[in-house]
Every structure is written in structure tokens, then in C-alpha cells.
Amino acid sequence: MSAAIVAAALASCAGCFALKRDTQPLSAESISGYEPYAQFARAAHCLGGSQTWECGDACAANKDFKLYASGGDGTSDLPFYFVGYSPSLASIIVAHGGMEAQDLATALQGPYIAQAPVNLTMFPGVDEDTMVYAGFRDAHSRSADAVLAAVQETIATTGAAVLTTLGHGLGGALAEMDAAYLRLNIPYIRMNTVTFGKPRVGNAAWVDLVDANADSNARINNMRDPIPVLPAQTSTYEHPTGEIHVVQEGMWLACIANNGREDDEDAECTIQSVRRMPDYLLISHQTGPYNGIFIGSEYC
């Protein structure tokens, strides 16, 4: 997959969200442009903190990738992560691993999911009313310094001007936090974010911050995956812009809300799809597939 095709996929999708339309189908070329990112998200489950880029098919799918740093212990407190450079994408990649779907769903349900203010030292210049889920904040803070240092080293070595944060599930939530954190601390970098099955992370002030700092944001939700509708909107959680809903294999829709960041009216977008399907399956989150790519530790 050439860098030009992938860049076109991101750019075309970013353009979709500027339009005042409910949904817009992605072309086959645009969908295939997300395959390298899905493979990186898969690799975040598989690399396991290894210091060499060897994790089976997930790593082989991006064989020109140069690994600069990896870490974590695979727990929800410190998920696996890695940082490196992809010549074919012309981008630094920061990827975070996730956790079991059932455990994540349990953690994000309840009458009140505790929010906490972001660390103003880590997020300089941010308003004090910027709130995120406390569990995500704590997990992110445990790897943030190491990730920032690795990104700075990668920039110094490669001269890269583009950074892409990505992840699946919990990893997607941490990727969203990194999008704001790294941009605020490296303000000259171009910031792209690609997430798969990401839950809501924070309040309206938080998503304002994310939307202001991500040059492109694709949050890809698979079929009847319930994780993207957690925590509930009624508990003051929101998503940033950028929803792409995988309605079925080969049919991906860019969902554009008319009055906000989430399309809660269109029958083919995530919120209504999950509401209409009381028998939704966590397997839609746990595996995918995303254009034929299955994400999860069981696919390593």
C-alpha cells in the first residue's frame, strides 16, 4: 500500500466530515487505505513489549516498520505499546494494546463512571474543566513520558513530520489521549488518529481539545460493537468527530452528525445500530473484522 493511497484515504475521509450530510460511503480504495493501521492495531496486541519487530503476520504486514521503543505489561493499568516509523506511510506510529471486551464493557457500565481532570502539567494550557475517565487517565499517564521520549527520538532520527496514534478498544482510548498529549508537547507535528472500537473518553471540553489537535481523526466502529456507545452519553461522555461505521464487510460509512459529533439519528450509524440490536455481540468488538483483518490476542 503506497503512502499516496493511504494519505488520500485519510484526506478524503477528513473531507467527508466537513460535509453536511448524514452518511457517505467510503470507496474500496479508501477502505483498503486503513488496512496498515488495522494491522498495527493488531500488532499492539501481539508484540508484547518485544524490542524486535517480530509478532507473526501482524508485524509482517508492515514489514518496513522500524521499531524504536515498546513497553507495558499487558494489564489494563499498563497496556502494551510501541513507537516507531513507517517509511511506507511516512509517519511515526504510536500504538496501544487493549483488553478483553467483556472486561472493558463491565468497567464502562454503571450509573456513574468516574471522571477526573486531566493532568495540567502533561496537558499544558488546557482548561481545568477538561475531564476524562479516571481509569484511562491513569493508564495513559503510566506510559506517557516513555512514549513522548520515543517519539522525540524518532523525530530526531528520521525527520518525520507526521505522527499517527492508533489502537483498538482501550488502546483506542489511549491513542485519543495521546493525540492531544503529543500534539500539545510537540506542536509542530501533523497529528493523525485512527482508532478501532474506541469507547468514549471524556466530556465536551475533552473532545473540543481532541478535535482542535487532531488534523485527521478516524474512529472506526465495527457492525454491532457496543463498546463505542460506552460510557453512556447520559454520563457526560462524548466522542470527537470522525465516525466511520463498518455496516458489513466492504461497506463502510462516514457518519456526519447534523447537530454534534455523534450521529444518533441515522439508522446505519453506530448508536442506532446498537440500539436496534438488543442481541449485539461483543465478538464484533473483540475480533472485527476490519476489511478482513481480525484484531485481538487470539489472532497473533
C-alpha atoms as a PDB file:
ATOM      1  CA  MET A   1       0.000   0.000   0.000  1.00  0.00           C
ATOM      2  CA  SER A   2       1.619   3.243  -1.131  1.00  0.00           C
ATOM      3  CA  ALA A   3       1.888   6.288   1.113  1.00  0.00           C
ATOM      4  CA  ALA A   4      -0.035   8.275  -1.509  1.00  0.00           C
ATOM      5  CA  ILE A   5      -3.045   5.947  -1.397  1.00  0.00           C
ATOM      6  CA  VAL A   6      -3.130   5.887   2.400  1.00  0.00           C
ATOM      7  CA  ALA A   7      -2.768   9.662   2.587  1.00  0.00           C
ATOM      8  CA  ALA A   8      -5.603  10.007   0.110  1.00  0.00           C
ATOM      9  CA  ALA A   9      -7.801   7.743   2.221  1.00  0.00           C
ATOM     10  CA  LEU A  10      -7.216   9.838   5.322  1.00  0.00           C
ATOM     11  CA  ALA A  11      -7.627  13.104   3.463  1.00  0.00           C
ATOM     12  CA  SER A  12     -10.778  12.033   1.665  1.00  0.00           C
ATOM     13  CA  CYS A  13     -12.348  10.820   4.892  1.00  0.00           C
ATOM     14  CA  ALA A  14     -11.375  14.018   6.711  1.00  0.00           C
ATOM     15  CA  GLY A  15     -13.132  15.867   3.936  1.00  0.00           C
ATOM     16  CA  CYS A  16     -16.248  13.761   4.401  1.00  0.00           C
ATOM     17  CA  PHE A  17     -16.734  15.105   7.901  1.00  0.00           C
ATOM     18  CA  ALA A  18     -16.757  18.691   6.700  1.00  0.00           C
ATOM     19  CA  LEU A  19     -19.842  17.983   4.597  1.00  0.00           C
ATOM     20  CA  LYS A  20     -23.351  18.475   5.936  1.00  0.00           C
ATOM     21  CA  ARG A  21     -24.594  15.011   5.009  1.00  0.00           C
ATOM     22  CA  ASP A  22     -25.753  12.179   7.212  1.00  0.00           C
ATOM     23  CA  THR A  23     -23.583   9.429   5.749  1.00  0.00           C
ATOM     24  CA  GLN A  24     -21.143   8.990   2.924  1.00  0.00           C
ATOM     25  CA  PRO A  25     -19.844   5.603   1.754  1.00  0.00           C
ATOM     26  CA  LEU A  26     -16.097   5.110   1.561  1.00  0.00           C
ATOM     27  CA  SER A  27     -14.627   3.842  -1.661  1.00  0.00           C
ATOM     28  CA  ALA A  28     -12.903   0.468  -1.783  1.00  0.00           C
ATOM     29  CA  GLU A  29      -9.595   2.301  -2.159  1.00  0.00           C
ATOM     30  CA  SER A  30     -10.259   4.395   0.941  1.00  0.00           C
ATOM     31  CA  ILE A  31     -11.222   1.318   2.947  1.00  0.00           C
ATOM     32  CA  SER A  32      -8.064  -0.512   1.911  1.00  0.00           C
ATOM     33  CA  GLY A  33      -6.073   2.543   2.972  1.00  0.00           C
ATOM     34  CA  TYR A  34      -6.917   1.736   6.580  1.00  0.00           C
ATOM     35  CA  GLU A  35      -5.529  -1.806   6.390  1.00  0.00           C
ATOM     36  CA  PRO A  36      -1.975  -0.896   7.523  1.00  0.00           C
ATOM     37  CA  TYR A  37      -3.421   0.841  10.573  1.00  0.00           C
ATOM     38  CA  ALA A  38      -5.605  -2.154  11.417  1.00  0.00           C
ATOM     39  CA  GLN A  39      -2.528  -4.353  11.205  1.00  0.00           C
ATOM     40  CA  PHE A  40      -0.629  -2.013  13.543  1.00  0.00           C
ATOM     41  CA  ALA A  41      -3.560  -2.150  15.993  1.00  0.00           C
ATOM     42  CA  ARG A  42      -3.435  -5.936  15.738  1.00  0.00           C
ATOM     43  CA  ALA A  43       0.333  -5.880  16.321  1.00  0.00           C
ATOM     44  CA  ALA A  44      -0.210  -3.871  19.510  1.00  0.00           C
ATOM     45  CA  HIS A  45      -1.936  -6.964  20.910  1.00  0.00           C
ATOM     46  CA  CYS A  46       0.762  -9.297  19.605  1.00  0.00           C
ATOM     47  CA  LEU A  47       4.163  -7.638  20.084  1.00  0.00           C
ATOM     48  CA  GLY A  48       4.008  -7.993  23.860  1.00  0.00           C
ATOM     49  CA  GLY A  49       6.715  -5.479  24.708  1.00  0.00           C
ATOM     50  CA  SER A  50       9.293  -7.171  22.454  1.00  0.00           C
ATOM     51  CA  GLN A  51      12.202  -4.990  21.391  1.00  0.00           C
ATOM     52  CA  THR A  52      12.270  -6.518  17.902  1.00  0.00           C
ATOM     53  CA  TRP A  53       9.596  -6.171  15.222  1.00  0.00           C
ATOM     54  CA  GLU A  54       8.579  -9.808  15.262  1.00  0.00           C
ATOM     55  CA  CYS A  55       4.988 -10.782  16.014  1.00  0.00           C
ATOM     56  CA  GLY A  56       3.919 -13.013  13.162  1.00  0.00           C
ATOM     57  CA  ASP A  57       1.568 -11.909  10.404  1.00  0.00           C
ATOM     58  CA  ALA A  58       0.611  -8.619  12.102  1.00  0.00           C
ATOM     59  CA  CYS A  59       4.206  -7.378  12.039  1.00  0.00           C
ATOM     60  CA  ALA A  60       4.924  -8.901   8.632  1.00  0.00           C
ATOM     61  CA  ALA A  61       2.036  -6.894   7.155  1.00  0.00           C
ATOM     62  CA  ASN A  62       4.071  -3.716   7.839  1.00  0.00           C
ATOM     63  CA  LYS A  63       7.481  -5.261   7.254  1.00  0.00           C
ATOM     64  CA  ASP A  64       9.310  -1.975   6.582  1.00  0.00           C
ATOM     65  CA  PHE A  65       8.375  -0.606  10.022  1.00  0.00           C
ATOM     66  CA  LYS A  66      11.296   0.342  12.265  1.00  0.00           C
ATOM     67  CA  LEU A  67      10.620  -0.152  15.966  1.00  0.00           C
ATOM     68  CA  TYR A  68      12.091   2.473  18.298  1.00  0.00           C
ATOM     69  CA  ALA A  69      10.504   1.583  21.646  1.00  0.00           C
ATOM     70  CA  SER A  70       7.967  -0.736  23.212  1.00  0.00           C
ATOM     71  CA  GLY A  71       6.753  -1.435  26.713  1.00  0.00           C
ATOM     72  CA  GLY A  72       3.858  -2.151  29.027  1.00  0.00           C
ATOM     73  CA  ASP A  73       2.881  -5.297  30.862  1.00  0.00           C
ATOM     74  CA  GLY A  74      -0.370  -6.145  29.098  1.00  0.00           C
ATOM     75  CA  THR A  75      -2.628  -5.234  32.012  1.00  0.00           C
ATOM     76  CA  SER A  76      -5.402  -2.643  31.922  1.00  0.00           C
ATOM     77  CA  ASP A  77      -3.173  -0.463  34.126  1.00  0.00           C
ATOM     78  CA  LEU A  78      -0.297  -0.503  31.634  1.00  0.00           C
ATOM     79  CA  PRO A  79      -1.282  -1.970  28.255  1.00  0.00           C
ATOM     80  CA  PHE A  80       1.393  -2.866  25.753  1.00  0.00           C
ATOM     81  CA  TYR A  81       2.511  -0.051  23.452  1.00  0.00           C
ATOM     82  CA  PHE A  82       5.073   0.571  20.756  1.00  0.00           C
ATOM     83  CA  VAL A  83       6.574   3.539  18.892  1.00  0.00           C
ATOM     84  CA  GLY A  84       8.368   3.529  15.564  1.00  0.00           C
ATOM     85  CA  TYR A  85       8.497   4.776  11.993  1.00  0.00           C
ATOM     86  CA  SER A  86       6.721   3.508   8.880  1.00  0.00           C
ATOM     87  CA  PRO A  87       8.500   4.569   5.668  1.00  0.00           C
ATOM     88  CA  SER A  88       5.589   3.400   3.501  1.00  0.00           C
ATOM     89  CA  LEU A  89       3.155   5.584   5.449  1.00  0.00           C
ATOM     90  CA  ALA A  90       5.740   8.337   6.001  1.00  0.00           C
ATOM     91  CA  SER A  91       4.548   8.527   9.592  1.00  0.00           C
ATOM     92  CA  ILE A  92       5.643   7.857  13.123  1.00  0.00           C
ATOM     93  CA  ILE A  93       3.316   5.257  14.625  1.00  0.00           C
ATOM     94  CA  VAL A  94       2.281   5.183  18.285  1.00  0.00           C
ATOM     95  CA  ALA A  95       0.115   2.147  19.020  1.00  0.00           C
ATOM     96  CA  HIS A  96      -1.504   0.939  22.245  1.00  0.00           C
ATOM     97  CA  GLY A  97      -2.871  -2.509  23.022  1.00  0.00           C
ATOM     98  CA  GLY A  98      -6.272  -3.215  24.524  1.00  0.00           C
ATOM     99  CA  MET A  99      -8.010  -5.616  26.884  1.00  0.00           C
ATOM    100  CA  GLU A 100     -10.705  -8.286  26.833  1.00  0.00           C
ATOM    101  CA  ALA A 101     -14.017  -6.979  25.506  1.00  0.00           C
ATOM    102  CA  GLN A 102     -16.110  -8.236  28.422  1.00  0.00           C
ATOM    103  CA  ASP A 103     -13.765  -6.689  31.000  1.00  0.00           C
ATOM    104  CA  LEU A 104     -13.819  -3.349  29.181  1.00  0.00           C
ATOM    105  CA  ALA A 105     -17.609  -3.376  28.855  1.00  0.00           C
ATOM    106  CA  THR A 106     -18.006  -4.141  32.564  1.00  0.00           C
ATOM    107  CA  ALA A 107     -15.645  -1.339  33.555  1.00  0.00           C
ATOM    108  CA  LEU A 108     -17.534   1.207  31.446  1.00  0.00           C
ATOM    109  CA  GLN A 109     -21.084   0.442  32.567  1.00  0.00           C
ATOM    110  CA  GLY A 110     -22.878   1.667  35.649  1.00  0.00           C
ATOM    111  CA  PRO A 111     -24.891   4.628  36.901  1.00  0.00           C
ATOM    112  CA  TYR A 112     -21.781   6.796  37.110  1.00  0.00           C
ATOM    113  CA  ILE A 113     -18.371   6.318  35.550  1.00  0.00           C
ATOM    114  CA  ALA A 114     -15.921   8.493  37.431  1.00  0.00           C
ATOM    115  CA  GLN A 115     -14.279  11.303  35.520  1.00  0.00           C
ATOM    116  CA  ALA A 116     -11.166  13.148  36.630  1.00  0.00           C
ATOM    117  CA  PRO A 117      -9.450  16.310  35.365  1.00  0.00           C
ATOM    118  CA  VAL A 118      -6.514  15.827  33.029  1.00  0.00           C
ATOM    119  CA  ASN A 119      -3.039  16.441  34.434  1.00  0.00           C
ATOM    120  CA  LEU A 120      -2.372  20.091  33.576  1.00  0.00           C
ATOM    121  CA  THR A 121       1.377  19.516  33.634  1.00  0.00           C
ATOM    122  CA  MET A 122       1.067  16.825  30.980  1.00  0.00           C
ATOM    123  CA  PHE A 123      -1.552  18.795  29.023  1.00  0.00           C
ATOM    124  CA  PRO A 124      -0.225  22.375  29.175  1.00  0.00           C
ATOM    125  CA  GLY A 125      -2.673  25.211  28.660  1.00  0.00           C
ATOM    126  CA  VAL A 126      -5.762  23.011  28.970  1.00  0.00           C
ATOM    127  CA  ASP A 127      -8.826  24.251  30.850  1.00  0.00           C
ATOM    128  CA  GLU A 128      -9.375  22.814  34.318  1.00  0.00           C
ATOM    129  CA  ASP A 129     -12.846  21.575  33.348  1.00  0.00           C
ATOM    130  CA  THR A 130     -11.365  19.118  30.833  1.00  0.00           C
ATOM    131  CA  MET A 131     -12.355  15.706  32.200  1.00  0.00           C
ATOM    132  CA  VAL A 132     -11.690  12.102  31.175  1.00  0.00           C
ATOM    133  CA  TYR A 133     -12.473   8.665  32.562  1.00  0.00           C
ATOM    134  CA  ALA A 134     -10.174   8.260  35.564  1.00  0.00           C
ATOM    135  CA  GLY A 135      -9.098   4.759  34.543  1.00  0.00           C
ATOM    136  CA  PHE A 136      -7.986   5.935  31.104  1.00  0.00           C
ATOM    137  CA  ARG A 137      -6.193   8.927  32.582  1.00  0.00           C
ATOM    138  CA  ASP A 138      -4.215   6.764  34.991  1.00  0.00           C
ATOM    139  CA  ALA A 139      -3.313   4.138  32.371  1.00  0.00           C
ATOM    140  CA  HIS A 140      -2.209   6.834  29.927  1.00  0.00           C
ATOM    141  CA  SER A 141      -0.043   8.602  32.500  1.00  0.00           C
ATOM    142  CA  ARG A 142       1.963   5.426  33.172  1.00  0.00           C
ATOM    143  CA  SER A 143       3.361   5.271  29.629  1.00  0.00           C
ATOM    144  CA  ALA A 144       3.125   8.921  28.553  1.00  0.00           C
ATOM    145  CA  ASP A 145       6.682  10.008  29.399  1.00  0.00           C
ATOM    146  CA  ALA A 146       8.236   6.976  27.706  1.00  0.00           C
ATOM    147  CA  VAL A 147       6.057   7.425  24.611  1.00  0.00           C
ATOM    148  CA  LEU A 148       6.908  11.123  24.331  1.00  0.00           C
ATOM    149  CA  ALA A 149      10.636  10.428  24.672  1.00  0.00           C
ATOM    150  CA  ALA A 150      10.443   7.708  21.993  1.00  0.00           C
ATOM    151  CA  VAL A 151       8.544   9.990  19.626  1.00  0.00           C
ATOM    152  CA  GLN A 152      11.098  12.752  20.107  1.00  0.00           C
ATOM    153  CA  GLU A 153      13.919  10.279  19.395  1.00  0.00           C
ATOM    154  CA  THR A 154      12.143   9.066  16.271  1.00  0.00           C
ATOM    155  CA  ILE A 155      11.678  12.625  15.016  1.00  0.00           C
ATOM    156  CA  ALA A 156      15.345  13.392  15.650  1.00  0.00           C
ATOM    157  CA  THR A 157      16.430  10.265  13.773  1.00  0.00           C
ATOM    158  CA  THR A 158      14.009  10.300  10.837  1.00  0.00           C
ATOM    159  CA  GLY A 159      12.994  13.933  10.481  1.00  0.00           C
ATOM    160  CA  ALA A 160       9.370  12.763  10.343  1.00  0.00           C
ATOM    161  CA  ALA A 161       6.696  15.464  10.279  1.00  0.00           C
ATOM    162  CA  VAL A 162       3.637  13.207  10.658  1.00  0.00           C
ATOM    163  CA  LEU A 163       2.532  11.228  13.690  1.00  0.00           C
ATOM    164  CA  THR A 164      -0.291   8.685  13.815  1.00  0.00           C
ATOM    165  CA  THR A 165      -1.705   7.382  17.088  1.00  0.00           C
ATOM    166  CA  LEU A 166      -3.831   4.267  16.939  1.00  0.00           C
ATOM    167  CA  GLY A 167      -5.300   1.422  18.922  1.00  0.00           C
ATOM    168  CA  HIS A 168      -8.237  -0.904  19.456  1.00  0.00           C
ATOM    169  CA  GLY A 169     -10.715  -0.667  22.352  1.00  0.00           C
ATOM    170  CA  LEU A 170      -8.807   0.510  25.414  1.00  0.00           C
ATOM    171  CA  GLY A 171      -5.861   1.069  23.079  1.00  0.00           C
ATOM    172  CA  GLY A 172      -8.028   3.415  21.044  1.00  0.00           C
ATOM    173  CA  ALA A 173      -8.910   5.426  24.143  1.00  0.00           C
ATOM    174  CA  LEU A 174      -5.198   5.779  24.957  1.00  0.00           C
ATOM    175  CA  ALA A 175      -4.485   6.709  21.332  1.00  0.00           C
ATOM    176  CA  GLU A 176      -7.056   9.501  21.597  1.00  0.00           C
ATOM    177  CA  MET A 177      -5.386  10.758  24.765  1.00  0.00           C
ATOM    178  CA  ASP A 178      -2.002  10.602  23.047  1.00  0.00           C
ATOM    179  CA  ALA A 179      -3.340  12.626  20.115  1.00  0.00           C
ATOM    180  CA  ALA A 180      -3.912  15.611  22.401  1.00  0.00           C
ATOM    181  CA  TYR A 181      -0.951  14.971  24.711  1.00  0.00           C
ATOM    182  CA  LEU A 182       1.667  14.582  21.990  1.00  0.00           C
ATOM    183  CA  ARG A 183       0.369  17.482  19.892  1.00  0.00           C
ATOM    184  CA  LEU A 184       0.446  19.820  22.885  1.00  0.00           C
ATOM    185  CA  ASN A 185       4.017  18.771  23.667  1.00  0.00           C
ATOM    186  CA  ILE A 186       5.185  18.619  20.034  1.00  0.00           C
ATOM    187  CA  PRO A 187       3.055  21.375  18.489  1.00  0.00           C
ATOM    188  CA  TYR A 188       4.725  21.346  15.059  1.00  0.00           C
ATOM    189  CA  ILE A 189       3.853  17.710  14.260  1.00  0.00           C
ATOM    190  CA  ARG A 190       0.953  16.771  11.994  1.00  0.00           C
ATOM    191  CA  MET A 191      -1.373  14.587  14.053  1.00  0.00           C
ATOM    192  CA  ASN A 192      -3.462  11.739  12.641  1.00  0.00           C
ATOM    193  CA  THR A 193      -5.515   9.372  14.779  1.00  0.00           C
ATOM    194  CA  VAL A 194      -7.059   6.043  13.738  1.00  0.00           C
ATOM    195  CA  THR A 195      -8.977   4.017  16.311  1.00  0.00           C
ATOM    196  CA  PHE A 196     -10.965   0.789  16.189  1.00  0.00           C
ATOM    197  CA  GLY A 197     -13.889   0.126  18.543  1.00  0.00           C
ATOM    198  CA  LYS A 198     -12.937   3.017  20.826  1.00  0.00           C
ATOM    199  CA  PRO A 199     -15.119   3.855  23.845  1.00  0.00           C
ATOM    200  CA  ARG A 200     -15.952   7.421  24.799  1.00  0.00           C
ATOM    201  CA  VAL A 201     -13.085   9.001  26.732  1.00  0.00           C
ATOM    202  CA  GLY A 202     -14.159  12.313  28.230  1.00  0.00           C
ATOM    203  CA  ASN A 203     -16.523  15.261  28.428  1.00  0.00           C
ATOM    204  CA  ALA A 204     -17.333  18.001  25.908  1.00  0.00           C
ATOM    205  CA  ALA A 205     -14.274  20.043  26.900  1.00  0.00           C
ATOM    206  CA  TRP A 206     -12.107  16.980  26.264  1.00  0.00           C
ATOM    207  CA  VAL A 207     -13.476  16.342  22.785  1.00  0.00           C
ATOM    208  CA  ASP A 208     -13.078  20.045  21.972  1.00  0.00           C
ATOM    209  CA  LEU A 209      -9.402  19.574  22.815  1.00  0.00           C
ATOM    210  CA  VAL A 210      -9.090  16.441  20.666  1.00  0.00           C
ATOM    211  CA  ASP A 211     -10.844  17.988  17.683  1.00  0.00           C
ATOM    212  CA  ALA A 212      -8.614  21.053  17.946  1.00  0.00           C
ATOM    213  CA  ASN A 213      -5.405  18.998  17.959  1.00  0.00           C
ATOM    214  CA  ALA A 214      -6.070  16.128  15.534  1.00  0.00           C
ATOM    215  CA  ASP A 215      -5.532  17.049  11.891  1.00  0.00           C
ATOM    216  CA  SER A 216      -7.464  13.912  10.926  1.00  0.00           C
ATOM    217  CA  ASN A 217      -9.409  11.567  13.153  1.00  0.00           C
ATOM    218  CA  ALA A 218     -10.955   8.293  12.024  1.00  0.00           C
ATOM    219  CA  ARG A 219     -12.768   6.350  14.744  1.00  0.00           C
ATOM    220  CA  ILE A 220     -13.833   3.134  13.102  1.00  0.00           C
ATOM    221  CA  ASN A 221     -16.665   1.140  14.692  1.00  0.00           C
ATOM    222  CA  ASN A 222     -17.469  -2.412  13.649  1.00  0.00           C
ATOM    223  CA  MET A 223     -21.041  -3.516  12.999  1.00  0.00           C
ATOM    224  CA  ARG A 224     -22.880  -4.109  16.327  1.00  0.00           C
ATOM    225  CA  ASP A 225     -19.922  -3.421  18.627  1.00  0.00           C
ATOM    226  CA  PRO A 226     -21.352  -1.942  21.876  1.00  0.00           C
ATOM    227  CA  ILE A 227     -18.040  -0.569  23.185  1.00  0.00           C
ATOM    228  CA  PRO A 228     -18.245   2.713  21.169  1.00  0.00           C
ATOM    229  CA  VAL A 229     -21.520   3.624  22.920  1.00  0.00           C
ATOM    230  CA  LEU A 230     -19.903   3.285  26.361  1.00  0.00           C
ATOM    231  CA  PRO A 231     -19.807   5.048  28.760  1.00  0.00           C
ATOM    232  CA  ALA A 232     -23.337   6.242  28.104  1.00  0.00           C
ATOM    233  CA  GLN A 233     -23.878   9.757  26.768  1.00  0.00           C
ATOM    234  CA  THR A 234     -26.078  10.431  29.784  1.00  0.00           C
ATOM    235  CA  SER A 235     -22.951  10.333  31.967  1.00  0.00           C
ATOM    236  CA  THR A 236     -21.455  13.410  30.221  1.00  0.00           C
ATOM    237  CA  TYR A 237     -19.208  11.453  27.865  1.00  0.00           C
ATOM    238  CA  GLU A 238     -18.833  12.321  24.194  1.00  0.00           C
ATOM    239  CA  HIS A 239     -16.865  11.220  21.132  1.00  0.00           C
ATOM    240  CA  PRO A 240     -14.904  13.577  18.883  1.00  0.00           C
ATOM    241  CA  THR A 241     -15.798  13.823  15.209  1.00  0.00           C
ATOM    242  CA  GLY A 242     -14.748  11.206  12.696  1.00  0.00           C
ATOM    243  CA  GLU A 243     -17.079   8.200  12.993  1.00  0.00           C
ATOM    244  CA  ILE A 244     -16.755   5.507  10.355  1.00  0.00           C
ATOM    245  CA  HIS A 245     -19.216   2.649  10.747  1.00  0.00           C
ATOM    246  CA  VAL A 246     -18.466  -0.756   9.247  1.00  0.00           C
ATOM    247  CA  VAL A 247     -22.002  -1.761   8.339  1.00  0.00           C
ATOM    248  CA  GLN A 248     -20.799  -5.012   6.791  1.00  0.00           C
ATOM    249  CA  GLU A 249     -17.654  -6.238   5.116  1.00  0.00           C
ATOM    250  CA  GLY A 250     -16.904  -3.926   2.203  1.00  0.00           C
ATOM    251  CA  MET A 251     -19.473  -1.292   3.251  1.00  0.00           C
ATOM    252  CA  TRP A 252     -18.059   1.474   5.423  1.00  0.00           C
ATOM    253  CA  LEU A 253     -19.922   4.727   6.034  1.00  0.00           C
ATOM    254  CA  ALA A 254     -18.594   8.079   7.192  1.00  0.00           C
ATOM    255  CA  CYS A 255     -21.244   9.265   9.668  1.00  0.00           C
ATOM    256  CA  ILE A 256     -21.691  13.007   9.994  1.00  0.00           C
ATOM    257  CA  ALA A 257     -23.904  14.309  12.781  1.00  0.00           C
ATOM    258  CA  ASN A 258     -26.052  17.301  11.904  1.00  0.00           C
ATOM    259  CA  ASN A 259     -26.112  18.668  15.448  1.00  0.00           C
ATOM    260  CA  GLY A 260     -22.982  17.456  17.164  1.00  0.00           C
ATOM    261  CA  ARG A 261     -20.127  14.994  16.883  1.00  0.00           C
ATOM    262  CA  GLU A 262     -22.063  11.724  17.041  1.00  0.00           C
ATOM    263  CA  ASP A 263     -24.751  10.696  14.585  1.00  0.00           C
ATOM    264  CA  ASP A 264     -27.525   9.371  16.822  1.00  0.00           C
ATOM    265  CA  GLU A 265     -30.249   9.559  14.164  1.00  0.00           C
ATOM    266  CA  ASP A 266     -29.031   7.661  11.120  1.00  0.00           C
ATOM    267  CA  ALA A 267     -30.095   4.015  11.180  1.00  0.00           C
ATOM    268  CA  GLU A 268     -26.801   2.869   9.660  1.00  0.00           C
ATOM    269  CA  CYS A 269     -24.507   4.612  12.149  1.00  0.00           C
ATOM    270  CA  THR A 270     -23.283   3.144  15.410  1.00  0.00           C
ATOM    271  CA  ILE A 271     -25.695   4.487  18.015  1.00  0.00           C
ATOM    272  CA  GLN A 272     -28.875   3.462  16.224  1.00  0.00           C
ATOM    273  CA  SER A 273     -27.348   0.194  15.023  1.00  0.00           C
ATOM    274  CA  VAL A 274     -26.619  -0.910  18.580  1.00  0.00           C
ATOM    275  CA  ARG A 275     -29.974   0.351  19.902  1.00  0.00           C
ATOM    276  CA  ARG A 276     -31.844  -1.580  17.220  1.00  0.00           C
ATOM    277  CA  MET A 277     -29.982  -4.773  18.005  1.00  0.00           C
ATOM    278  CA  PRO A 278     -30.534  -5.884  21.613  1.00  0.00           C
ATOM    279  CA  ASP A 279     -28.659  -9.064  20.715  1.00  0.00           C
ATOM    280  CA  TYR A 280     -25.477  -7.162  19.835  1.00  0.00           C
ATOM    281  CA  LEU A 281     -22.362  -9.236  20.182  1.00  0.00           C
ATOM    282  CA  LEU A 282     -19.142  -8.346  21.945  1.00  0.00           C
ATOM    283  CA  ILE A 283     -17.496 -10.503  19.298  1.00  0.00           C
ATOM    284  CA  SER A 284     -17.989  -7.530  16.960  1.00  0.00           C
ATOM    285  CA  HIS A 285     -15.581  -5.662  19.192  1.00  0.00           C
ATOM    286  CA  GLN A 286     -13.254  -8.441  20.175  1.00  0.00           C
ATOM    287  CA  THR A 287     -12.338  -9.507  16.670  1.00  0.00           C
ATOM    288  CA  GLY A 288     -13.667  -7.247  13.940  1.00  0.00           C
ATOM    289  CA  PRO A 289     -13.024  -7.944  11.147  1.00  0.00           C
ATOM    290  CA  TYR A 290     -11.879  -4.678   9.644  1.00  0.00           C
ATOM    291  CA  ASN A 291     -11.705  -5.311   5.906  1.00  0.00           C
ATOM    292  CA  GLY A 292     -10.780  -8.904   6.623  1.00  0.00           C
ATOM    293  CA  ILE A 293      -8.336  -8.094   9.447  1.00  0.00           C
ATOM    294  CA  PHE A 294      -9.118  -9.632  12.831  1.00  0.00           C
ATOM    295  CA  ILE A 295      -7.786  -7.758  15.869  1.00  0.00           C
ATOM    296  CA  GLY A 296      -7.110  -9.432  19.205  1.00  0.00           C
ATOM    297  CA  SER A 297      -4.569 -11.523  21.049  1.00  0.00           C
ATOM    298  CA  GLU A 298      -6.148 -14.714  19.714  1.00  0.00           C
ATOM    299  CA  TYR A 299      -5.156 -13.619  16.192  1.00  0.00           C
ATOM    300  CA  CYS A 300      -1.463 -13.236  16.868  1.00  0.00           C
END
